Amino acid sequence: MARIMTLAQAIAENVKDGDTVAMEGFTHLIPYAAGHEAIRQGRKDLTIIRMTPDILYDQLIGVGAVKKMKFSWGGNPGVGSLHRFRDAVEKHWPHKLEVEEHSHAAMANAYEAGAANLPFAMLRGYIGADLPKVNAQIKSVTCPFSGEVLAAVPSIRPDVSLIHAQRADRKGNVLIEGIVGVQKEAVLAAKRSVVTVEEIVDELQPASPNSLVLPSWAVTAVVAVPGGAFPSYAQGYYKRNNAFYLAWDEIARDRDSFQQWVKENILEKTPEDFAQYAKAAKN
């Protein structure tokens, strides 16, 4: 059953050096506060997984926390490249980064297979694509019934998944509304999970038609971190800070400016600071 705790305690207990970690959120509800706490605690040698790694993963890579990234698209959405990601791949700074690239469809199916405790996922995909030439994890299987040849990829089974959501009740049940991406599958596929939420309430109602509830038994830790998805957005709470995504392009281009930003905005901050960001964004 989920335990309600502080973010420092949740990360200390559930994210270890060398872990495979998924931090999901599709433009929405990206778990920035949880990722920043992993940076503050000095996690190293992580294999990070995400369908759409953006600024948060750029930060994790830039501080040297990551040895490998498994993904299906990487960039600063609406802006351009992830400069810390590029520096690690092209110039091995702060160290060499291993990459494993897939399609969106393969990643989504791999998460679903992991959530179902299956060893691999099958899909109609990669036909005419070049990714199988550079990714040995993309294979094929033949349907024993029809003879059709299908693509196959290993299921995703993280050691720990980190997500952000709108609300949790005091029993640890979690409500996600809006664009849900693969957060549900990421949690169900993982050995452990940490869910940061905007608030903890007595009852989860009312829920919108486009919502889901993760039951307490599927979640390891729940943490109240208002604003914990900032600068991404949390439907019903605050908007996406587009100005920051634009600013990040310049911040991350230079190693020194990046390191100074991390010092001032991650290492010298606390999870409670996110509440101020969210308040400003909402206004």
C-alpha atoms as a PDB file:
ATOM      1  CA  MET A   1       0.000   0.000   0.000  1.00  0.00           C
ATOM      2  CA  ALA A   2       1.176   3.530  -0.746  1.00  0.00           C
ATOM      3  CA  ARG A   3       2.877   5.485   2.014  1.00  0.00           C
ATOM      4  CA  ILE A   4       2.598   9.261   2.248  1.00  0.00           C
ATOM      5  CA  MET A   5       6.018  10.766   2.945  1.00  0.00           C
ATOM      6  CA  THR A   6       8.380  13.613   2.125  1.00  0.00           C
ATOM      7  CA  LEU A   7      10.038  13.796  -1.268  1.00  0.00           C
ATOM      8  CA  ALA A   8      13.519  13.469   0.220  1.00  0.00           C
ATOM      9  CA  GLN A   9      12.473  10.283   1.999  1.00  0.00           C
ATOM     10  CA  ALA A  10      10.675   8.887  -1.058  1.00  0.00           C
ATOM     11  CA  ILE A  11      13.678   9.352  -3.350  1.00  0.00           C
ATOM     12  CA  ALA A  12      16.156   8.106  -0.737  1.00  0.00           C
ATOM     13  CA  GLU A  13      14.182   4.900  -0.221  1.00  0.00           C
ATOM     14  CA  ASN A  14      13.205   4.181  -3.809  1.00  0.00           C
ATOM     15  CA  VAL A  15      15.822   5.551  -6.232  1.00  0.00           C
ATOM     16  CA  LYS A  16      19.256   3.927  -5.963  1.00  0.00           C
ATOM     17  CA  ASP A  17      22.487   4.373  -7.905  1.00  0.00           C
ATOM     18  CA  GLY A  18      22.429   2.136 -10.975  1.00  0.00           C
ATOM     19  CA  ASP A  19      18.633   1.898 -11.102  1.00  0.00           C
ATOM     20  CA  THR A  20      16.545   1.898 -14.252  1.00  0.00           C
ATOM     21  CA  VAL A  21      14.226   4.861 -13.796  1.00  0.00           C
ATOM     22  CA  ALA A  22      11.190   5.996 -15.799  1.00  0.00           C
ATOM     23  CA  MET A  23      10.004   9.595 -15.360  1.00  0.00           C
ATOM     24  CA  GLU A  24       6.949   9.858 -17.568  1.00  0.00           C
ATOM     25  CA  GLY A  25       4.595  12.659 -18.514  1.00  0.00           C
ATOM     26  CA  PHE A  26       3.580  13.592 -22.050  1.00  0.00           C
ATOM     27  CA  THR A  27       4.060  17.402 -22.161  1.00  0.00           C
ATOM     28  CA  HIS A  28       1.840  17.400 -19.056  1.00  0.00           C
ATOM     29  CA  LEU A  29       2.522  16.449 -15.438  1.00  0.00           C
ATOM     30  CA  ILE A  30       6.271  15.985 -15.950  1.00  0.00           C
ATOM     31  CA  PRO A  31       7.817  15.051 -12.558  1.00  0.00           C
ATOM     32  CA  TYR A  32      10.364  17.874 -12.297  1.00  0.00           C
ATOM     33  CA  ALA A  33      10.381  18.053  -8.500  1.00  0.00           C
ATOM     34  CA  ALA A  34      11.107  14.337  -8.180  1.00  0.00           C
ATOM     35  CA  GLY A  35      13.867  14.510 -10.783  1.00  0.00           C
ATOM     36  CA  HIS A  36      15.457  17.497  -9.054  1.00  0.00           C
ATOM     37  CA  GLU A  37      15.461  15.649  -5.746  1.00  0.00           C
ATOM     38  CA  ALA A  38      17.319  12.756  -7.403  1.00  0.00           C
ATOM     39  CA  ILE A  39      19.907  15.290  -8.588  1.00  0.00           C
ATOM     40  CA  ARG A  40      20.210  16.828  -5.097  1.00  0.00           C
ATOM     41  CA  GLN A  41      20.776  13.381  -3.629  1.00  0.00           C
ATOM     42  CA  GLY A  42      23.575  12.749  -6.123  1.00  0.00           C
ATOM     43  CA  ARG A  43      22.196   9.701  -7.899  1.00  0.00           C
ATOM     44  CA  LYS A  44      24.593   8.161 -10.428  1.00  0.00           C
ATOM     45  CA  ASP A  45      24.747   5.497 -13.165  1.00  0.00           C
ATOM     46  CA  LEU A  46      21.034   5.668 -13.893  1.00  0.00           C
ATOM     47  CA  THR A  47      19.390   4.172 -16.958  1.00  0.00           C
ATOM     48  CA  ILE A  48      16.576   6.599 -17.699  1.00  0.00           C
ATOM     49  CA  ILE A  49      13.538   5.744 -19.799  1.00  0.00           C
ATOM     50  CA  ARG A  50      11.011   8.093 -21.319  1.00  0.00           C
ATOM     51  CA  MET A  51       8.990   8.348 -24.485  1.00  0.00           C
ATOM     52  CA  THR A  52       9.719  12.063 -24.894  1.00  0.00           C
ATOM     53  CA  PRO A  53      12.784  13.156 -22.894  1.00  0.00           C
ATOM     54  CA  ASP A  54      12.944  16.916 -22.701  1.00  0.00           C
ATOM     55  CA  ILE A  55      14.424  19.482 -20.301  1.00  0.00           C
ATOM     56  CA  LEU A  56      14.278  17.310 -17.165  1.00  0.00           C
ATOM     57  CA  TYR A  57      16.350  14.583 -18.785  1.00  0.00           C
ATOM     58  CA  ASP A  58      18.700  17.225 -20.228  1.00  0.00           C
ATOM     59  CA  GLN A  59      19.333  18.296 -16.630  1.00  0.00           C
ATOM     60  CA  LEU A  60      19.891  14.746 -15.374  1.00  0.00           C
ATOM     61  CA  ILE A  61      22.298  14.002 -18.220  1.00  0.00           C
ATOM     62  CA  GLY A  62      24.144  17.293 -17.754  1.00  0.00           C
ATOM     63  CA  VAL A  63      24.875  16.688 -14.067  1.00  0.00           C
ATOM     64  CA  GLY A  64      26.319  13.265 -14.852  1.00  0.00           C
ATOM     65  CA  ALA A  65      23.566  11.178 -13.265  1.00  0.00           C
ATOM     66  CA  VAL A  66      22.873   9.077 -16.374  1.00  0.00           C
ATOM     67  CA  LYS A  67      24.777   6.268 -18.086  1.00  0.00           C
ATOM     68  CA  LYS A  68      22.080   5.281 -20.617  1.00  0.00           C
ATOM     69  CA  MET A  69      18.844   6.674 -22.030  1.00  0.00           C
ATOM     70  CA  LYS A  70      16.100   4.613 -23.655  1.00  0.00           C
ATOM     71  CA  PHE A  71      13.681   6.835 -25.558  1.00  0.00           C
ATOM     72  CA  SER A  72      11.642   7.476 -28.682  1.00  0.00           C
ATOM     73  CA  TRP A  73      12.131  11.221 -29.219  1.00  0.00           C
ATOM     74  CA  GLY A  74      14.363  13.761 -27.540  1.00  0.00           C
ATOM     75  CA  GLY A  75      14.274  17.537 -27.721  1.00  0.00           C
ATOM     76  CA  ASN A  76      13.180  20.838 -26.218  1.00  0.00           C
ATOM     77  CA  PRO A  77       9.561  20.788 -27.453  1.00  0.00           C
ATOM     78  CA  GLY A  78       8.742  23.684 -29.702  1.00  0.00           C
ATOM     79  CA  VAL A  79      12.290  25.060 -29.406  1.00  0.00           C
ATOM     80  CA  GLY A  80      15.020  22.710 -30.627  1.00  0.00           C
ATOM     81  CA  SER A  81      17.793  20.457 -29.380  1.00  0.00           C
ATOM     82  CA  LEU A  82      18.688  19.304 -25.896  1.00  0.00           C
ATOM     83  CA  HIS A  83      22.213  20.678 -25.640  1.00  0.00           C
ATOM     84  CA  ARG A  84      23.347  18.683 -22.605  1.00  0.00           C
ATOM     85  CA  PHE A  85      22.086  15.506 -24.291  1.00  0.00           C
ATOM     86  CA  ARG A  86      23.961  16.399 -27.488  1.00  0.00           C
ATOM     87  CA  ASP A  87      27.143  17.252 -25.586  1.00  0.00           C
ATOM     88  CA  ALA A  88      27.076  13.864 -23.860  1.00  0.00           C
ATOM     89  CA  VAL A  89      26.532  11.958 -27.119  1.00  0.00           C
ATOM     90  CA  GLU A  90      28.879  13.964 -29.324  1.00  0.00           C
ATOM     91  CA  LYS A  91      31.659  14.973 -26.907  1.00  0.00           C
ATOM     92  CA  HIS A  92      31.144  12.606 -23.961  1.00  0.00           C
ATOM     93  CA  TRP A  93      30.649  15.453 -21.450  1.00  0.00           C
ATOM     94  CA  PRO A  94      30.311  15.005 -18.523  1.00  0.00           C
ATOM     95  CA  HIS A  95      30.796  11.391 -19.638  1.00  0.00           C
ATOM     96  CA  LYS A  96      29.790   9.039 -22.422  1.00  0.00           C
ATOM     97  CA  LEU A  97      26.063   8.382 -22.772  1.00  0.00           C
ATOM     98  CA  GLU A  98      24.645   5.167 -24.192  1.00  0.00           C
ATOM     99  CA  VAL A  99      21.403   5.578 -26.142  1.00  0.00           C
ATOM    100  CA  GLU A 100      18.702   3.134 -27.207  1.00  0.00           C
ATOM    101  CA  GLU A 101      16.174   4.681 -29.576  1.00  0.00           C
ATOM    102  CA  HIS A 102      12.718   3.302 -30.383  1.00  0.00           C
ATOM    103  CA  SER A 103       9.511   4.518 -31.963  1.00  0.00           C
ATOM    104  CA  HIS A 104       6.675   5.959 -29.871  1.00  0.00           C
ATOM    105  CA  ALA A 105       4.522   2.923 -30.675  1.00  0.00           C
ATOM    106  CA  ALA A 106       7.215   0.501 -29.551  1.00  0.00           C
ATOM    107  CA  MET A 107       7.765   2.343 -26.269  1.00  0.00           C
ATOM    108  CA  ALA A 108       4.052   2.476 -25.496  1.00  0.00           C
ATOM    109  CA  ASN A 109       3.638  -1.217 -26.244  1.00  0.00           C
ATOM    110  CA  ALA A 110       6.755  -2.074 -24.219  1.00  0.00           C
ATOM    111  CA  TYR A 111       5.361  -0.254 -21.181  1.00  0.00           C
ATOM    112  CA  GLU A 112       2.055  -2.078 -21.588  1.00  0.00           C
ATOM    113  CA  ALA A 113       3.843  -5.426 -21.830  1.00  0.00           C
ATOM    114  CA  GLY A 114       5.805  -4.599 -18.697  1.00  0.00           C
ATOM    115  CA  ALA A 115       2.622  -3.705 -16.848  1.00  0.00           C
ATOM    116  CA  ALA A 116       1.178  -7.086 -17.882  1.00  0.00           C
ATOM    117  CA  ASN A 117       4.353  -8.881 -16.705  1.00  0.00           C
ATOM    118  CA  LEU A 118       5.117 -10.077 -20.249  1.00  0.00           C
ATOM    119  CA  PRO A 119       8.698 -10.502 -21.519  1.00  0.00           C
ATOM    120  CA  PHE A 120       8.258  -8.560 -24.749  1.00  0.00           C
ATOM    121  CA  ALA A 121       5.828  -6.500 -26.826  1.00  0.00           C
ATOM    122  CA  MET A 122       4.661  -7.112 -30.385  1.00  0.00           C
ATOM    123  CA  LEU A 123       3.497  -4.462 -32.811  1.00  0.00           C
ATOM    124  CA  ARG A 124       3.032  -3.681 -36.469  1.00  0.00           C
ATOM    125  CA  GLY A 125       5.857  -1.241 -36.819  1.00  0.00           C
ATOM    126  CA  TYR A 126       9.332  -0.417 -38.124  1.00  0.00           C
ATOM    127  CA  ILE A 127       8.300  -1.454 -41.651  1.00  0.00           C
ATOM    128  CA  GLY A 128      10.730   0.306 -43.972  1.00  0.00           C
ATOM    129  CA  ALA A 129      12.415   2.071 -41.036  1.00  0.00           C
ATOM    130  CA  ASP A 130      16.145   2.199 -40.326  1.00  0.00           C
ATOM    131  CA  LEU A 131      16.034   1.958 -36.514  1.00  0.00           C
ATOM    132  CA  PRO A 132      16.331  -1.877 -36.515  1.00  0.00           C
ATOM    133  CA  LYS A 133      19.696  -1.458 -38.281  1.00  0.00           C
ATOM    134  CA  VAL A 134      21.139   0.426 -35.299  1.00  0.00           C
ATOM    135  CA  ASN A 135      19.147  -1.032 -32.407  1.00  0.00           C
ATOM    136  CA  ALA A 136      19.734  -4.713 -31.723  1.00  0.00           C
ATOM    137  CA  GLN A 137      16.802  -4.714 -29.280  1.00  0.00           C
ATOM    138  CA  ILE A 138      14.340  -4.471 -32.185  1.00  0.00           C
ATOM    139  CA  LYS A 139      13.640  -7.956 -33.481  1.00  0.00           C
ATOM    140  CA  SER A 140      10.801  -9.793 -35.221  1.00  0.00           C
ATOM    141  CA  VAL A 141       8.485 -12.703 -34.473  1.00  0.00           C
ATOM    142  CA  THR A 142       6.201 -14.700 -36.716  1.00  0.00           C
ATOM    143  CA  CYS A 143       2.576 -15.157 -35.701  1.00  0.00           C
ATOM    144  CA  PRO A 144       1.961 -18.919 -35.243  1.00  0.00           C
ATOM    145  CA  PHE A 145      -1.605 -18.513 -36.496  1.00  0.00           C
ATOM    146  CA  SER A 146      -1.369 -16.236 -39.537  1.00  0.00           C
ATOM    147  CA  GLY A 147       2.311 -16.317 -40.413  1.00  0.00           C
ATOM    148  CA  GLU A 148       2.485 -12.513 -40.234  1.00  0.00           C
ATOM    149  CA  VAL A 149       5.888 -11.094 -39.283  1.00  0.00           C
ATOM    150  CA  LEU A 150       5.654  -8.562 -36.453  1.00  0.00           C
ATOM    151  CA  ALA A 151       8.142  -6.315 -34.707  1.00  0.00           C
ATOM    152  CA  ALA A 152       9.151  -7.262 -31.156  1.00  0.00           C
ATOM    153  CA  VAL A 153      10.857  -5.249 -28.415  1.00  0.00           C
ATOM    154  CA  PRO A 154      11.687  -6.120 -24.780  1.00  0.00           C
ATOM    155  CA  SER A 155       9.101  -5.069 -22.227  1.00  0.00           C
ATOM    156  CA  ILE A 156       9.932  -2.083 -20.047  1.00  0.00           C
ATOM    157  CA  ARG A 157      10.243  -3.034 -16.365  1.00  0.00           C
ATOM    158  CA  PRO A 158      11.795  -0.098 -14.466  1.00  0.00           C
ATOM    159  CA  ASP A 159      13.231  -0.445 -11.001  1.00  0.00           C
ATOM    160  CA  VAL A 160      11.278   2.697 -10.165  1.00  0.00           C
ATOM    161  CA  SER A 161       8.862   5.012 -11.962  1.00  0.00           C
ATOM    162  CA  LEU A 162       8.392   8.666 -11.008  1.00  0.00           C
ATOM    163  CA  ILE A 163       5.271  10.537 -12.101  1.00  0.00           C
ATOM    164  CA  HIS A 164       3.312  13.638 -11.130  1.00  0.00           C
ATOM    165  CA  ALA A 165      -0.487  13.783 -10.742  1.00  0.00           C
ATOM    166  CA  GLN A 166      -3.176  16.179  -9.635  1.00  0.00           C
ATOM    167  CA  ARG A 167      -4.464  14.588  -6.456  1.00  0.00           C
ATOM    168  CA  ALA A 168      -4.181  11.680  -4.055  1.00  0.00           C
ATOM    169  CA  ASP A 169      -6.434  10.744  -1.192  1.00  0.00           C
ATOM    170  CA  ARG A 170      -5.200   9.931   2.290  1.00  0.00           C
ATOM    171  CA  LYS A 171      -5.199   6.202   1.514  1.00  0.00           C
ATOM    172  CA  GLY A 172      -2.745   6.740  -1.351  1.00  0.00           C
ATOM    173  CA  ASN A 173      -5.091   6.387  -4.328  1.00  0.00           C
ATOM    174  CA  VAL A 174      -3.936   8.728  -7.119  1.00  0.00           C
ATOM    175  CA  LEU A 175      -6.026  10.668  -9.644  1.00  0.00           C
ATOM    176  CA  ILE A 176      -4.563  11.719 -13.005  1.00  0.00           C
ATOM    177  CA  GLU A 177      -6.600  13.955 -15.310  1.00  0.00           C
ATOM    178  CA  GLY A 178      -5.984  15.342 -18.775  1.00  0.00           C
ATOM    179  CA  ILE A 179      -3.259  13.986 -21.046  1.00  0.00           C
ATOM    180  CA  VAL A 180      -2.288  10.792 -19.274  1.00  0.00           C
ATOM    181  CA  GLY A 181       0.384   9.441 -21.616  1.00  0.00           C
ATOM    182  CA  VAL A 182       1.860   6.187 -20.263  1.00  0.00           C
ATOM    183  CA  GLN A 183       1.993   7.159 -16.581  1.00  0.00           C
ATOM    184  CA  LYS A 184      -0.349   4.344 -15.575  1.00  0.00           C
ATOM    185  CA  GLU A 185       1.632   1.709 -17.456  1.00  0.00           C
ATOM    186  CA  ALA A 186       4.949   3.075 -16.159  1.00  0.00           C
ATOM    187  CA  VAL A 187       3.781   2.692 -12.556  1.00  0.00           C
ATOM    188  CA  LEU A 188       2.251  -0.751 -13.052  1.00  0.00           C
ATOM    189  CA  ALA A 189       5.389  -1.985 -14.849  1.00  0.00           C
ATOM    190  CA  ALA A 190       7.793  -0.809 -12.135  1.00  0.00           C
ATOM    191  CA  LYS A 191       9.029  -2.554  -9.022  1.00  0.00           C
ATOM    192  CA  ARG A 192       8.600   0.700  -7.076  1.00  0.00           C
ATOM    193  CA  SER A 193       6.953   4.045  -7.759  1.00  0.00           C
ATOM    194  CA  VAL A 194       6.965   7.580  -6.409  1.00  0.00           C
ATOM    195  CA  VAL A 195       4.002   9.816  -7.239  1.00  0.00           C
ATOM    196  CA  THR A 196       4.157  13.525  -6.491  1.00  0.00           C
ATOM    197  CA  VAL A 197       0.796  15.307  -6.443  1.00  0.00           C
ATOM    198  CA  GLU A 198      -0.526  18.838  -6.314  1.00  0.00           C
ATOM    199  CA  GLU A 199      -2.548  18.085  -3.207  1.00  0.00           C
ATOM    200  CA  ILE A 200      -3.741  15.343  -0.881  1.00  0.00           C
ATOM    201  CA  VAL A 201      -7.492  15.388  -0.316  1.00  0.00           C
ATOM    202  CA  ASP A 202     -10.107  13.450   1.610  1.00  0.00           C
ATOM    203  CA  GLU A 203     -11.973  12.350  -1.546  1.00  0.00           C
ATOM    204  CA  LEU A 204     -10.793  12.154  -5.171  1.00  0.00           C
ATOM    205  CA  GLN A 205     -14.141  13.228  -6.642  1.00  0.00           C
ATOM    206  CA  PRO A 206     -15.107  14.807  -8.911  1.00  0.00           C
ATOM    207  CA  ALA A 207     -13.113  13.247 -11.717  1.00  0.00           C
ATOM    208  CA  SER A 208     -13.404  14.244 -15.374  1.00  0.00           C
ATOM    209  CA  PRO A 209     -14.220  11.718 -18.123  1.00  0.00           C
ATOM    210  CA  ASN A 210     -10.576  11.840 -19.278  1.00  0.00           C
ATOM    211  CA  SER A 211      -9.041  10.580 -16.058  1.00  0.00           C
ATOM    212  CA  LEU A 212      -7.754   7.494 -14.315  1.00  0.00           C
ATOM    213  CA  VAL A 213      -7.147   6.364 -10.754  1.00  0.00           C
ATOM    214  CA  LEU A 214      -4.068   4.445  -9.690  1.00  0.00           C
ATOM    215  CA  PRO A 215      -5.056   2.347  -6.672  1.00  0.00           C
ATOM    216  CA  SER A 216      -3.032   2.579  -3.492  1.00  0.00           C
ATOM    217  CA  TRP A 217      -1.823  -1.009  -3.803  1.00  0.00           C
ATOM    218  CA  ALA A 218      -0.059  -0.157  -7.084  1.00  0.00           C
ATOM    219  CA  VAL A 219       1.887   2.816  -5.686  1.00  0.00           C
ATOM    220  CA  THR A 220       4.880   2.790  -3.317  1.00  0.00           C
ATOM    221  CA  ALA A 221       5.105   6.418  -2.185  1.00  0.00           C
ATOM    222  CA  VAL A 222       2.900   9.509  -2.480  1.00  0.00           C
ATOM    223  CA  VAL A 223       4.274  12.998  -1.877  1.00  0.00           C
ATOM    224  CA  ALA A 224       2.463  16.330  -1.841  1.00  0.00           C
ATOM    225  CA  VAL A 225       4.532  18.756  -3.935  1.00  0.00           C
ATOM    226  CA  PRO A 226       2.396  21.678  -5.172  1.00  0.00           C
ATOM    227  CA  GLY A 227       3.835  22.883  -8.456  1.00  0.00           C
ATOM    228  CA  GLY A 228       5.888  19.700  -8.809  1.00  0.00           C
ATOM    229  CA  ALA A 229       5.429  19.550 -12.592  1.00  0.00           C
ATOM    230  CA  PHE A 230       6.593  23.120 -13.251  1.00  0.00           C
ATOM    231  CA  PRO A 231       7.613  24.344 -15.876  1.00  0.00           C
ATOM    232  CA  SER A 232       5.361  21.785 -17.571  1.00  0.00           C
ATOM    233  CA  TYR A 233       1.681  22.096 -16.697  1.00  0.00           C
ATOM    234  CA  ALA A 234      -0.874  20.421 -14.476  1.00  0.00           C
ATOM    235  CA  GLN A 235      -4.389  20.572 -15.864  1.00  0.00           C
ATOM    236  CA  GLY A 236      -6.636  22.480 -13.506  1.00  0.00           C
ATOM    237  CA  TYR A 237      -3.719  23.940 -11.540  1.00  0.00           C
ATOM    238  CA  TYR A 238      -1.279  25.923 -13.713  1.00  0.00           C
ATOM    239  CA  LYS A 239      -0.224  26.469 -17.300  1.00  0.00           C
ATOM    240  CA  ARG A 240       2.939  25.459 -19.101  1.00  0.00           C
ATOM    241  CA  ASN A 241       5.708  28.045 -18.756  1.00  0.00           C
ATOM    242  CA  ASN A 242       6.627  28.432 -22.414  1.00  0.00           C
ATOM    243  CA  ALA A 243       9.082  31.234 -21.619  1.00  0.00           C
ATOM    244  CA  PHE A 244      11.236  28.865 -19.590  1.00  0.00           C
ATOM    245  CA  TYR A 245      11.444  26.337 -22.425  1.00  0.00           C
ATOM    246  CA  LEU A 246      12.709  29.143 -24.657  1.00  0.00           C
ATOM    247  CA  ALA A 247      15.157  30.316 -21.986  1.00  0.00           C
ATOM    248  CA  TRP A 248      16.503  26.800 -21.501  1.00  0.00           C
ATOM    249  CA  ASP A 249      17.896  26.787 -25.028  1.00  0.00           C
ATOM    250  CA  GLU A 250      20.430  29.451 -24.031  1.00  0.00           C
ATOM    251  CA  ILE A 251      21.007  28.212 -20.483  1.00  0.00           C
ATOM    252  CA  ALA A 252      21.911  24.702 -21.640  1.00  0.00           C
ATOM    253  CA  ARG A 253      24.109  25.659 -24.609  1.00  0.00           C
ATOM    254  CA  ASP A 254      27.056  26.554 -22.397  1.00  0.00           C
ATOM    255  CA  ARG A 255      28.455  24.169 -19.789  1.00  0.00           C
ATOM    256  CA  ASP A 256      29.240  26.932 -17.305  1.00  0.00           C
ATOM    257  CA  SER A 257      25.815  28.603 -17.527  1.00  0.00           C
ATOM    258  CA  PHE A 258      24.186  25.191 -17.181  1.00  0.00           C
ATOM    259  CA  GLN A 259      26.184  24.341 -14.053  1.00  0.00           C
ATOM    260  CA  GLN A 260      25.430  27.736 -12.528  1.00  0.00           C
ATOM    261  CA  TRP A 261      21.712  27.271 -13.201  1.00  0.00           C
ATOM    262  CA  VAL A 262      21.750  23.830 -11.572  1.00  0.00           C
ATOM    263  CA  LYS A 263      23.528  25.214  -8.516  1.00  0.00           C
ATOM    264  CA  GLU A 264      21.061  28.087  -8.070  1.00  0.00           C
ATOM    265  CA  ASN A 265      17.824  26.341  -9.077  1.00  0.00           C
ATOM    266  CA  ILE A 266      18.267  22.721  -7.988  1.00  0.00           C
ATOM    267  CA  LEU A 267      21.083  22.237  -5.498  1.00  0.00           C
ATOM    268  CA  GLU A 268      20.205  25.352  -3.474  1.00  0.00           C
ATOM    269  CA  LYS A 269      16.434  24.831  -3.672  1.00  0.00           C
ATOM    270  CA  THR A 270      13.928  22.522  -1.970  1.00  0.00           C
ATOM    271  CA  PRO A 271      10.706  20.820  -3.097  1.00  0.00           C
ATOM    272  CA  GLU A 272       8.743  23.526  -1.295  1.00  0.00           C
ATOM    273  CA  ASP A 273      10.058  26.106  -3.778  1.00  0.00           C
ATOM    274  CA  PHE A 274       7.919  24.569  -6.518  1.00  0.00           C
ATOM    275  CA  ALA A 275       4.797  25.948  -4.825  1.00  0.00           C
ATOM    276  CA  GLN A 276       5.990  29.465  -5.607  1.00  0.00           C
ATOM    277  CA  TYR A 277       6.574  28.609  -9.247  1.00  0.00           C
ATOM    278  CA  ALA A 278       3.083  27.168  -9.559  1.00  0.00           C
ATOM    279  CA  LYS A 279       1.509  30.145  -7.815  1.00  0.00           C
ATOM    280  CA  ALA A 280       3.219  32.539 -10.195  1.00  0.00           C
ATOM    281  CA  ALA A 281       2.223  30.442 -13.206  1.00  0.00           C
ATOM    282  CA  LYS A 282      -1.410  30.268 -12.103  1.00  0.00           C
ATOM    283  CA  ASN A 283      -1.573  34.030 -11.695  1.00  0.00           C
END
